[in-house]
Amino acid sequence: MPINSVSMMTPTQMVNETKKLAAPNTSYQAQQTFANTLKDAIAKVNDQQIQSDTMTNKLINGGDVDLHEVMIASQKASITLNATMEVRNKVIDAYQEIMRMSV
């Protein structure tokens, strides 16, 4: 799996990517966009966890999988879960701070 640097993107690719992130027209659309983005992110974290569990079970059962691949998958799953938990904590802190504000 090759690693491509960000600078290899052409300017038209960057413009097309920013067009995809255009602001929604209504608050309902904004809520739906946010909800879909959140669901996708959580689904990716879940996929990492499932992949790690699957590879671990293959290793335990004597399947054709290398130890270093299992460890890499395990660390990826751990890092994504920890990052998700930190984002959740920051969101909760921000919500609590907003609730403490006097109106």
PDB file of N, CA and C in Angstrom:
ATOM      1  N   MET A   1       0.842  -1.163   0.000  1.00  0.00           N
ATOM      2  CA  MET A   1       0.000   0.000   0.000  1.00  0.00           C
ATOM      3  C   MET A   1       0.896   1.239   0.000  1.00  0.00           C
ATOM      4  N   PRO A   2       0.941   1.956  -1.115  1.00  0.00           N
ATOM      5  CA  PRO A   2       1.796   3.135  -1.181  1.00  0.00           C
ATOM      6  C   PRO A   2       1.205   4.290  -0.377  1.00  0.00           C
ATOM      7  N   ILE A   3       2.088   5.116   0.141  1.00  0.00           N
ATOM      8  CA  ILE A   3       1.663   6.290   0.891  1.00  0.00           C
ATOM      9  C   ILE A   3       1.882   7.500   0.002  1.00  0.00           C
ATOM     10  N   ASN A   4       0.803   8.174  -0.348  1.00  0.00           N
ATOM     11  CA  ASN A   4       0.882   9.354  -1.206  1.00  0.00           C
ATOM     12  C   ASN A   4       0.901  10.607  -0.344  1.00  0.00           C
ATOM     13  N   SER A   5       1.767  11.527  -0.711  1.00  0.00           N
ATOM     14  CA  SER A   5       1.809  12.769   0.042  1.00  0.00           C
ATOM     15  C   SER A   5       0.662  13.668  -0.384  1.00  0.00           C
ATOM     16  N   VAL A   6       0.320  14.603   0.463  1.00  0.00           N
ATOM     17  CA  VAL A   6      -0.786  15.509   0.184  1.00  0.00           C
ATOM     18  C   VAL A   6      -0.463  16.397  -1.014  1.00  0.00           C
ATOM     19  N   SER A   7       0.803  16.715  -1.202  1.00  0.00           N
ATOM     20  CA  SER A   7       1.178  17.623  -2.279  1.00  0.00           C
ATOM     21  C   SER A   7       0.992  17.006  -3.659  1.00  0.00           C
ATOM     22  N   MET A   8       0.734  15.702  -3.729  1.00  0.00           N
ATOM     23  CA  MET A   8       0.538  15.064  -5.031  1.00  0.00           C
ATOM     24  C   MET A   8      -0.864  15.313  -5.575  1.00  0.00           C
ATOM     25  N   MET A   9      -1.741  15.951  -4.794  1.00  0.00           N
ATOM     26  CA  MET A   9      -3.068  16.274  -5.275  1.00  0.00           C
ATOM     27  C   MET A   9      -2.976  17.454  -6.232  1.00  0.00           C
ATOM     28  N   THR A  10      -3.686  17.351  -7.315  1.00  0.00           N
ATOM     29  CA  THR A  10      -3.716  18.457  -8.262  1.00  0.00           C
ATOM     30  C   THR A  10      -4.660  19.528  -7.746  1.00  0.00           C
ATOM     31  N   PRO A  11      -4.510  20.771  -8.199  1.00  0.00           N
ATOM     32  CA  PRO A  11      -5.408  21.830  -7.729  1.00  0.00           C
ATOM     33  C   PRO A  11      -6.879  21.537  -8.021  1.00  0.00           C
ATOM     34  N   THR A  12      -7.166  20.878  -9.131  1.00  0.00           N
ATOM     35  CA  THR A  12      -8.568  20.574  -9.431  1.00  0.00           C
ATOM     36  C   THR A  12      -9.118  19.544  -8.459  1.00  0.00           C
ATOM     37  N   GLN A  13      -8.287  18.620  -8.020  1.00  0.00           N
ATOM     38  CA  GLN A  13      -8.739  17.651  -7.026  1.00  0.00           C
ATOM     39  C   GLN A  13      -9.062  18.351  -5.715  1.00  0.00           C
ATOM     40  N   MET A  14      -8.227  19.329  -5.328  1.00  0.00           N
ATOM     41  CA  MET A  14      -8.467  20.057  -4.089  1.00  0.00           C
ATOM     42  C   MET A  14      -9.763  20.867  -4.182  1.00  0.00           C
ATOM     43  N   VAL A  15     -10.003  21.496  -5.314  1.00  0.00           N
ATOM     44  CA  VAL A  15     -11.224  22.271  -5.494  1.00  0.00           C
ATOM     45  C   VAL A  15     -12.434  21.357  -5.444  1.00  0.00           C
ATOM     46  N   ASN A  16     -12.347  20.195  -6.090  1.00  0.00           N
ATOM     47  CA  ASN A  16     -13.459  19.253  -6.070  1.00  0.00           C
ATOM     48  C   ASN A  16     -13.733  18.753  -4.659  1.00  0.00           C
ATOM     49  N   GLU A  17     -12.682  18.539  -3.864  1.00  0.00           N
ATOM     50  CA  GLU A  17     -12.870  18.084  -2.491  1.00  0.00           C
ATOM     51  C   GLU A  17     -13.547  19.158  -1.655  1.00  0.00           C
ATOM     52  N   THR A  18     -13.186  20.431  -1.856  1.00  0.00           N
ATOM     53  CA  THR A  18     -13.806  21.488  -1.070  1.00  0.00           C
ATOM     54  C   THR A  18     -15.241  21.725  -1.508  1.00  0.00           C
ATOM     55  N   LYS A  19     -15.572  21.467  -2.768  1.00  0.00           N
ATOM     56  CA  LYS A  19     -16.953  21.607  -3.218  1.00  0.00           C
ATOM     57  C   LYS A  19     -17.847  20.588  -2.536  1.00  0.00           C
ATOM     58  N   LYS A  20     -17.305  19.405  -2.255  1.00  0.00           N
ATOM     59  CA  LYS A  20     -18.074  18.381  -1.564  1.00  0.00           C
ATOM     60  C   LYS A  20     -18.430  18.818  -0.149  1.00  0.00           C
ATOM     61  N   LEU A  21     -17.605  19.689   0.431  1.00  0.00           N
ATOM     62  CA  LEU A  21     -17.815  20.130   1.799  1.00  0.00           C
ATOM     63  C   LEU A  21     -18.597  21.440   1.861  1.00  0.00           C
ATOM     64  N   ALA A  22     -19.303  21.794   0.787  1.00  0.00           N
ATOM     65  CA  ALA A  22     -20.047  23.037   0.750  1.00  0.00           C
ATOM     66  C   ALA A  22     -21.106  23.058   1.850  1.00  0.00           C
ATOM     67  N   ALA A  23     -21.394  24.251   2.332  1.00  0.00           N
ATOM     68  CA  ALA A  23     -22.345  24.399   3.438  1.00  0.00           C
ATOM     69  C   ALA A  23     -23.756  24.021   2.994  1.00  0.00           C
ATOM     70  N   PRO A  24     -24.484  23.301   3.838  1.00  0.00           N
ATOM     71  CA  PRO A  24     -25.862  22.952   3.518  1.00  0.00           C
ATOM     72  C   PRO A  24     -26.769  24.189   3.567  1.00  0.00           C
ATOM     73  N   ASN A  25     -27.918  24.097   2.914  1.00  0.00           N
ATOM     74  CA  ASN A  25     -28.825  25.242   2.809  1.00  0.00           C
ATOM     75  C   ASN A  25     -29.657  25.467   4.062  1.00  0.00           C
ATOM     76  N   THR A  26     -30.121  24.413   4.702  1.00  0.00           N
ATOM     77  CA  THR A  26     -31.009  24.568   5.852  1.00  0.00           C
ATOM     78  C   THR A  26     -30.379  23.926   7.083  1.00  0.00           C
ATOM     79  N   SER A  27     -30.980  24.235   8.236  1.00  0.00           N
ATOM     80  CA  SER A  27     -30.452  23.643   9.465  1.00  0.00           C
ATOM     81  C   SER A  27     -30.710  22.134   9.489  1.00  0.00           C
ATOM     82  N   TYR A  28     -31.817  21.698   8.882  1.00  0.00           N
ATOM     83  CA  TYR A  28     -32.098  20.262   8.805  1.00  0.00           C
ATOM     84  C   TYR A  28     -31.014  19.557   7.995  1.00  0.00           C
ATOM     85  N   GLN A  29     -30.626  20.141   6.870  1.00  0.00           N
ATOM     86  CA  GLN A  29     -29.569  19.548   6.053  1.00  0.00           C
ATOM     87  C   GLN A  29     -28.249  19.530   6.808  1.00  0.00           C
ATOM     88  N   ALA A  30     -27.983  20.580   7.561  1.00  0.00           N
ATOM     89  CA  ALA A  30     -26.756  20.619   8.359  1.00  0.00           C
ATOM     90  C   ALA A  30     -26.767  19.519   9.411  1.00  0.00           C
ATOM     91  N   GLN A  31     -27.918  19.315  10.054  1.00  0.00           N
ATOM     92  CA  GLN A  31     -28.031  18.258  11.053  1.00  0.00           C
ATOM     93  C   GLN A  31     -27.829  16.892  10.418  1.00  0.00           C
ATOM     94  N   GLN A  32     -28.429  16.684   9.251  1.00  0.00           N
ATOM     95  CA  GLN A  32     -28.292  15.400   8.568  1.00  0.00           C
ATOM     96  C   GLN A  32     -26.855  15.164   8.118  1.00  0.00           C
ATOM     97  N   THR A  33     -26.204  16.200   7.621  1.00  0.00           N
ATOM     98  CA  THR A  33     -24.811  16.075   7.204  1.00  0.00           C
ATOM     99  C   THR A  33     -23.927  15.732   8.394  1.00  0.00           C
ATOM    100  N   PHE A  34     -24.143  16.424   9.511  1.00  0.00           N
ATOM    101  CA  PHE A  34     -23.364  16.142  10.711  1.00  0.00           C
ATOM    102  C   PHE A  34     -23.618  14.732  11.217  1.00  0.00           C
ATOM    103  N   ALA A  35     -24.895  14.330  11.228  1.00  0.00           N
ATOM    104  CA  ALA A  35     -25.238  12.986  11.702  1.00  0.00           C
ATOM    105  C   ALA A  35     -24.607  11.921  10.816  1.00  0.00           C
ATOM    106  N   ASN A  36     -24.648  12.117   9.511  1.00  0.00           N
ATOM    107  CA  ASN A  36     -24.052  11.143   8.592  1.00  0.00           C
ATOM    108  C   ASN A  36     -22.536  11.078   8.752  1.00  0.00           C
ATOM    109  N   THR A  37     -21.906  12.225   8.935  1.00  0.00           N
ATOM    110  CA  THR A  37     -20.456  12.250   9.136  1.00  0.00           C
ATOM    111  C   THR A  37     -20.085  11.530  10.421  1.00  0.00           C
ATOM    112  N   LEU A  38     -20.859  11.768  11.467  1.00  0.00           N
ATOM    113  CA  LEU A  38     -20.600  11.107  12.743  1.00  0.00           C
ATOM    114  C   LEU A  38     -20.802   9.602  12.641  1.00  0.00           C
ATOM    115  N   LYS A  39     -21.864   9.181  11.975  1.00  0.00           N
ATOM    116  CA  LYS A  39     -22.122   7.747  11.794  1.00  0.00           C
ATOM    117  C   LYS A  39     -21.004   7.088  10.999  1.00  0.00           C
ATOM    118  N   ASP A  40     -20.528   7.758   9.950  1.00  0.00           N
ATOM    119  CA  ASP A  40     -19.442   7.198   9.139  1.00  0.00           C
ATOM    120  C   ASP A  40     -18.167   7.045   9.955  1.00  0.00           C
ATOM    121  N   ALA A  41     -17.869   8.045  10.772  1.00  0.00           N
ATOM    122  CA  ALA A  41     -16.657   7.981  11.594  1.00  0.00           C
ATOM    123  C   ALA A  41     -16.737   6.843  12.608  1.00  0.00           C
ATOM    124  N   ILE A  42     -17.886   6.694  13.238  1.00  0.00           N
ATOM    125  CA  ILE A  42     -18.049   5.617  14.214  1.00  0.00           C
ATOM    126  C   ILE A  42     -18.017   4.260  13.525  1.00  0.00           C
ATOM    127  N   ALA A  43     -18.578   4.179  12.333  1.00  0.00           N
ATOM    128  CA  ALA A  43     -18.543   2.923  11.578  1.00  0.00           C
ATOM    129  C   ALA A  43     -17.107   2.540  11.212  1.00  0.00           C
ATOM    130  N   LYS A  44     -16.283   3.526  10.888  1.00  0.00           N
ATOM    131  CA  LYS A  44     -14.879   3.241  10.563  1.00  0.00           C
ATOM    132  C   LYS A  44     -14.126   2.734  11.792  1.00  0.00           C
ATOM    133  N   VAL A  45     -14.407   3.317  12.943  1.00  0.00           N
ATOM    134  CA  VAL A  45     -13.783   2.848  14.180  1.00  0.00           C
ATOM    135  C   VAL A  45     -14.214   1.406  14.461  1.00  0.00           C
ATOM    136  N   ASN A  46     -15.499   1.143  14.274  1.00  0.00           N
ATOM    137  CA  ASN A  46     -16.013  -0.209  14.485  1.00  0.00           C
ATOM    138  C   ASN A  46     -15.372  -1.196  13.512  1.00  0.00           C
ATOM    139  N   ASP A  47     -15.194  -0.788  12.257  1.00  0.00           N
ATOM    140  CA  ASP A  47     -14.550  -1.662  11.271  1.00  0.00           C
ATOM    141  C   ASP A  47     -13.121  -1.994  11.674  1.00  0.00           C
ATOM    142  N   GLN A  48     -12.409  -1.013  12.219  1.00  0.00           N
ATOM    143  CA  GLN A  48     -11.041  -1.260  12.687  1.00  0.00           C
ATOM    144  C   GLN A  48     -11.034  -2.280  13.822  1.00  0.00           C
ATOM    145  N   GLN A  49     -11.989  -2.154  14.740  1.00  0.00           N
ATOM    146  CA  GLN A  49     -12.074  -3.088  15.860  1.00  0.00           C
ATOM    147  C   GLN A  49     -12.400  -4.499  15.373  1.00  0.00           C
ATOM    148  N   ILE A  50     -13.333  -4.600  14.444  1.00  0.00           N
ATOM    149  CA  ILE A  50     -13.719  -5.906  13.896  1.00  0.00           C
ATOM    150  C   ILE A  50     -12.549  -6.550  13.161  1.00  0.00           C
ATOM    151  N   GLN A  51     -11.831  -5.739  12.370  1.00  0.00           N
ATOM    152  CA  GLN A  51     -10.683  -6.269  11.632  1.00  0.00           C
ATOM    153  C   GLN A  51      -9.613  -6.766  12.605  1.00  0.00           C
ATOM    154  N   SER A  52      -9.377  -6.028  13.671  1.00  0.00           N
ATOM    155  CA  SER A  52      -8.395  -6.444  14.669  1.00  0.00           C
ATOM    156  C   SER A  52      -8.815  -7.753  15.333  1.00  0.00           C
ATOM    157  N   ASP A  53     -10.096  -7.851  15.701  1.00  0.00           N
ATOM    158  CA  ASP A  53     -10.597  -9.083  16.330  1.00  0.00           C
ATOM    159  C   ASP A  53     -10.494 -10.272  15.384  1.00  0.00           C
ATOM    160  N   THR A  54     -10.830 -10.056  14.126  1.00  0.00           N
ATOM    161  CA  THR A  54     -10.768 -11.134  13.136  1.00  0.00           C
ATOM    162  C   THR A  54      -9.337 -11.634  12.963  1.00  0.00           C
ATOM    163  N   MET A  55      -8.401 -10.699  12.850  1.00  0.00           N
ATOM    164  CA  MET A  55      -7.003 -11.102  12.673  1.00  0.00           C
ATOM    165  C   MET A  55      -6.466 -11.794  13.922  1.00  0.00           C
ATOM    166  N   THR A  56      -6.883 -11.335  15.090  1.00  0.00           N
ATOM    167  CA  THR A  56      -6.453 -11.975  16.329  1.00  0.00           C
ATOM    168  C   THR A  56      -6.981 -13.403  16.408  1.00  0.00           C
ATOM    169  N   ASN A  57      -8.238 -13.590  16.052  1.00  0.00           N
ATOM    170  CA  ASN A  57      -8.816 -14.938  16.058  1.00  0.00           C
ATOM    171  C   ASN A  57      -8.133 -15.841  15.044  1.00  0.00           C
ATOM    172  N   LYS A  58      -7.766 -15.309  13.873  1.00  0.00           N
ATOM    173  CA  LYS A  58      -7.037 -16.118  12.887  1.00  0.00           C
ATOM    174  C   LYS A  58      -5.688 -16.550  13.445  1.00  0.00           C
ATOM    175  N   LEU A  59      -5.014 -15.635  14.134  1.00  0.00           N
ATOM    176  CA  LEU A  59      -3.710 -15.976  14.705  1.00  0.00           C
ATOM    177  C   LEU A  59      -3.859 -17.037  15.789  1.00  0.00           C
ATOM    178  N   ILE A  60      -4.866 -16.890  16.637  1.00  0.00           N
ATOM    179  CA  ILE A  60      -5.086 -17.858  17.713  1.00  0.00           C
ATOM    180  C   ILE A  60      -5.401 -19.243  17.156  1.00  0.00           C
ATOM    181  N   ASN A  61      -6.195 -19.283  16.077  1.00  0.00           N
ATOM    182  CA  ASN A  61      -6.609 -20.558  15.493  1.00  0.00           C
ATOM    183  C   ASN A  61      -5.594 -21.128  14.511  1.00  0.00           C
ATOM    184  N   GLY A  62      -4.455 -20.480  14.380  1.00  0.00           N
ATOM    185  CA  GLY A  62      -3.396 -21.005  13.518  1.00  0.00           C
ATOM    186  C   GLY A  62      -3.596 -20.667  12.060  1.00  0.00           C
ATOM    187  N   GLY A  63      -4.330 -19.618  11.768  1.00  0.00           N
ATOM    188  CA  GLY A  63      -4.558 -19.202  10.389  1.00  0.00           C
ATOM    189  C   GLY A  63      -3.305 -18.619   9.766  1.00  0.00           C
ATOM    190  N   ASP A  64      -3.407 -18.339   8.479  1.00  0.00           N
ATOM    191  CA  ASP A  64      -2.273 -17.811   7.725  1.00  0.00           C
ATOM    192  C   ASP A  64      -2.223 -16.293   7.874  1.00  0.00           C
ATOM    193  N   VAL A  65      -1.699 -15.853   9.011  1.00  0.00           N
ATOM    194  CA  VAL A  65      -1.568 -14.423   9.279  1.00  0.00           C
ATOM    195  C   VAL A  65      -0.297 -14.210  10.093  1.00  0.00           C
ATOM    196  N   ASP A  66       0.426 -13.142   9.769  1.00  0.00           N
ATOM    197  CA  ASP A  66       1.671 -12.858  10.469  1.00  0.00           C
ATOM    198  C   ASP A  66       1.398 -12.102  11.757  1.00  0.00           C
ATOM    199  N   LEU A  67       2.258 -12.339  12.733  1.00  0.00           N
ATOM    200  CA  LEU A  67       2.108 -11.695  14.029  1.00  0.00           C
ATOM    201  C   LEU A  67       2.190 -10.175  13.904  1.00  0.00           C
ATOM    202  N   HIS A  68       3.113  -9.689  13.076  1.00  0.00           N
ATOM    203  CA  HIS A  68       3.257  -8.240  12.972  1.00  0.00           C
ATOM    204  C   HIS A  68       2.020  -7.598  12.337  1.00  0.00           C
ATOM    205  N   GLU A  69       1.334  -8.294  11.429  1.00  0.00           N
ATOM    206  CA  GLU A  69       0.103  -7.760  10.852  1.00  0.00           C
ATOM    207  C   GLU A  69      -0.994  -7.668  11.908  1.00  0.00           C
ATOM    208  N   VAL A  70      -1.049  -8.665  12.778  1.00  0.00           N
ATOM    209  CA  VAL A  70      -2.036  -8.655  13.862  1.00  0.00           C
ATOM    210  C   VAL A  70      -1.745  -7.514  14.819  1.00  0.00           C
ATOM    211  N   MET A  71      -0.494  -7.320  15.152  1.00  0.00           N
ATOM    212  CA  MET A  71      -0.131  -6.243  16.075  1.00  0.00           C
ATOM    213  C   MET A  71      -0.405  -4.873  15.470  1.00  0.00           C
ATOM    214  N   ILE A  72      -0.145  -4.714  14.175  1.00  0.00           N
ATOM    215  CA  ILE A  72      -0.419  -3.439  13.509  1.00  0.00           C
ATOM    216  C   ILE A  72      -1.922  -3.160  13.501  1.00  0.00           C
ATOM    217  N   ALA A  73      -2.716  -4.163  13.172  1.00  0.00           N
ATOM    218  CA  ALA A  73      -4.173  -3.996  13.169  1.00  0.00           C
ATOM    219  C   ALA A  73      -4.680  -3.668  14.569  1.00  0.00           C
ATOM    220  N   SER A  74      -4.104  -4.308  15.561  1.00  0.00           N
ATOM    221  CA  SER A  74      -4.501  -4.052  16.943  1.00  0.00           C
ATOM    222  C   SER A  74      -4.168  -2.623  17.358  1.00  0.00           C
ATOM    223  N   GLN A  75      -3.005  -2.149  16.987  1.00  0.00           N
ATOM    224  CA  GLN A  75      -2.607  -0.786  17.337  1.00  0.00           C
ATOM    225  C   GLN A  75      -3.445   0.254  16.592  1.00  0.00           C
ATOM    226  N   LYS A  76      -3.765  -0.021  15.326  1.00  0.00           N
ATOM    227  CA  LYS A  76      -4.631   0.887  14.571  1.00  0.00           C
ATOM    228  C   LYS A  76      -5.993   0.995  15.244  1.00  0.00           C
ATOM    229  N   ALA A  77      -6.534  -0.129  15.650  1.00  0.00           N
ATOM    230  CA  ALA A  77      -7.836  -0.134  16.316  1.00  0.00           C
ATOM    231  C   ALA A  77      -7.756   0.619  17.638  1.00  0.00           C
ATOM    232  N   SER A  78      -6.691   0.414  18.368  1.00  0.00           N
ATOM    233  CA  SER A  78      -6.521   1.093  19.655  1.00  0.00           C
ATOM    234  C   SER A  78      -6.395   2.600  19.477  1.00  0.00           C
ATOM    235  N   ILE A  79      -5.621   3.014  18.500  1.00  0.00           N
ATOM    236  CA  ILE A  79      -5.418   4.443  18.263  1.00  0.00           C
ATOM    237  C   ILE A  79      -6.708   5.113  17.806  1.00  0.00           C
ATOM    238  N   THR A  80      -7.443   4.475  16.900  1.00  0.00           N
ATOM    239  CA  THR A  80      -8.686   5.087  16.433  1.00  0.00           C
ATOM    240  C   THR A  80      -9.710   5.163  17.558  1.00  0.00           C
ATOM    241  N   LEU A  81      -9.771   4.146  18.398  1.00  0.00           N
ATOM    242  CA  LEU A  81     -10.709   4.178  19.522  1.00  0.00           C
ATOM    243  C   LEU A  81     -10.324   5.261  20.526  1.00  0.00           C
ATOM    244  N   ASN A  82      -9.032   5.371  20.831  1.00  0.00           N
ATOM    245  CA  ASN A  82      -8.574   6.409  21.766  1.00  0.00           C
ATOM    246  C   ASN A  82      -8.827   7.804  21.215  1.00  0.00           C
ATOM    247  N   ALA A  83      -8.586   8.006  19.921  1.00  0.00           N
ATOM    248  CA  ALA A  83      -8.842   9.313  19.306  1.00  0.00           C
ATOM    249  C   ALA A  83     -10.327   9.646  19.346  1.00  0.00           C
ATOM    250  N   THR A  84     -11.161   8.651  19.090  1.00  0.00           N
ATOM    251  CA  THR A  84     -12.607   8.864  19.148  1.00  0.00           C
ATOM    252  C   THR A  84     -13.043   9.234  20.561  1.00  0.00           C
ATOM    253  N   MET A  85     -12.490   8.569  21.543  1.00  0.00           N
ATOM    254  CA  MET A  85     -12.843   8.870  22.933  1.00  0.00           C
ATOM    255  C   MET A  85     -12.400  10.281  23.327  1.00  0.00           C
ATOM    256  N   GLU A  86     -11.240  10.708  22.847  1.00  0.00           N
ATOM    257  CA  GLU A  86     -10.769  12.061  23.152  1.00  0.00           C
ATOM    258  C   GLU A  86     -11.663  13.118  22.506  1.00  0.00           C
ATOM    259  N   VAL A  87     -12.086  12.875  21.273  1.00  0.00           N
ATOM    260  CA  VAL A  87     -13.006  13.805  20.610  1.00  0.00           C
ATOM    261  C   VAL A  87     -14.318  13.856  21.371  1.00  0.00           C
ATOM    262  N   ARG A  88     -14.824  12.700  21.780  1.00  0.00           N
ATOM    263  CA  ARG A  88     -16.064  12.653  22.561  1.00  0.00           C
ATOM    264  C   ARG A  88     -15.921  13.446  23.852  1.00  0.00           C
ATOM    265  N   ASN A  89     -14.791  13.291  24.534  1.00  0.00           N
ATOM    266  CA  ASN A  89     -14.563  14.023  25.782  1.00  0.00           C
ATOM    267  C   ASN A  89     -14.543  15.527  25.555  1.00  0.00           C
ATOM    268  N   LYS A  90     -13.918  15.960  24.467  1.00  0.00           N
ATOM    269  CA  LYS A  90     -13.863  17.391  24.153  1.00  0.00           C
ATOM    270  C   LYS A  90     -15.254  17.929  23.827  1.00  0.00           C
ATOM    271  N   VAL A  91     -16.052  17.149  23.122  1.00  0.00           N
ATOM    272  CA  VAL A  91     -17.414  17.577  22.794  1.00  0.00           C
ATOM    273  C   VAL A  91     -18.252  17.697  24.064  1.00  0.00           C
ATOM    274  N   ILE A  92     -18.106  16.745  24.951  1.00  0.00           N
ATOM    275  CA  ILE A  92     -18.855  16.804  26.215  1.00  0.00           C
ATOM    276  C   ILE A  92     -18.409  18.000  27.044  1.00  0.00           C
ATOM    277  N   ASP A  93     -17.111  18.270  27.091  1.00  0.00           N
ATOM    278  CA  ASP A  93     -16.612  19.438  27.819  1.00  0.00           C
ATOM    279  C   ASP A  93     -17.166  20.732  27.227  1.00  0.00           C
ATOM    280  N   ALA A  94     -17.192  20.818  25.905  1.00  0.00           N
ATOM    281  CA  ALA A  94     -17.721  22.010  25.247  1.00  0.00           C
ATOM    282  C   ALA A  94     -19.206  22.169  25.545  1.00  0.00           C
ATOM    283  N   TYR A  95     -19.948  21.078  25.516  1.00  0.00           N
ATOM    284  CA  TYR A  95     -21.384  21.131  25.821  1.00  0.00           C
ATOM    285  C   TYR A  95     -21.605  21.600  27.255  1.00  0.00           C
ATOM    286  N   GLN A  96     -20.837  21.070  28.185  1.00  0.00           N
ATOM    287  CA  GLN A  96     -20.991  21.467  29.581  1.00  0.00           C
ATOM    288  C   GLN A  96     -20.631  22.938  29.781  1.00  0.00           C
ATOM    289  N   GLU A  97     -19.637  23.396  29.066  1.00  0.00           N
ATOM    290  CA  GLU A  97     -19.257  24.810  29.154  1.00  0.00           C
ATOM    291  C   GLU A  97     -20.367  25.709  28.613  1.00  0.00           C
ATOM    292  N   ILE A  98     -20.988  25.297  27.532  1.00  0.00           N
ATOM    293  CA  ILE A  98     -22.111  26.067  26.967  1.00  0.00           C
ATOM    294  C   ILE A  98     -23.283  26.077  27.940  1.00  0.00           C
ATOM    295  N   MET A  99     -23.550  24.962  28.583  1.00  0.00           N
ATOM    296  CA  MET A  99     -24.653  24.897  29.527  1.00  0.00           C
ATOM    297  C   MET A  99     -24.420  25.760  30.758  1.00  0.00           C
ATOM    298  N   ARG A 100     -23.159  26.020  31.111  1.00  0.00           N
ATOM    299  CA  ARG A 100     -22.844  26.850  32.264  1.00  0.00           C
ATOM    300  C   ARG A 100     -22.963  28.338  31.961  1.00  0.00           C
ATOM    301  N   MET A 101     -23.034  28.693  30.684  1.00  0.00           N
ATOM    302  CA  MET A 101     -23.122  30.104  30.317  1.00  0.00           C
ATOM    303  C   MET A 101     -24.469  30.681  30.731  1.00  0.00           C
ATOM    304  N   SER A 102     -24.417  31.892  31.221  1.00  0.00           N
ATOM    305  CA  SER A 102     -25.674  32.559  31.564  1.00  0.00           C
ATOM    306  C   SER A 102     -26.196  33.294  30.331  1.00  0.00           C
ATOM    307  N   VAL A 103     -27.503  33.233  30.180  1.00  0.00           N
ATOM    308  CA  VAL A 103     -28.116  33.837  28.994  1.00  0.00           C
ATOM    309  C   VAL A 103     -28.701  35.182  29.325  1.00  0.00           C
TER     310      VAL A 103
END
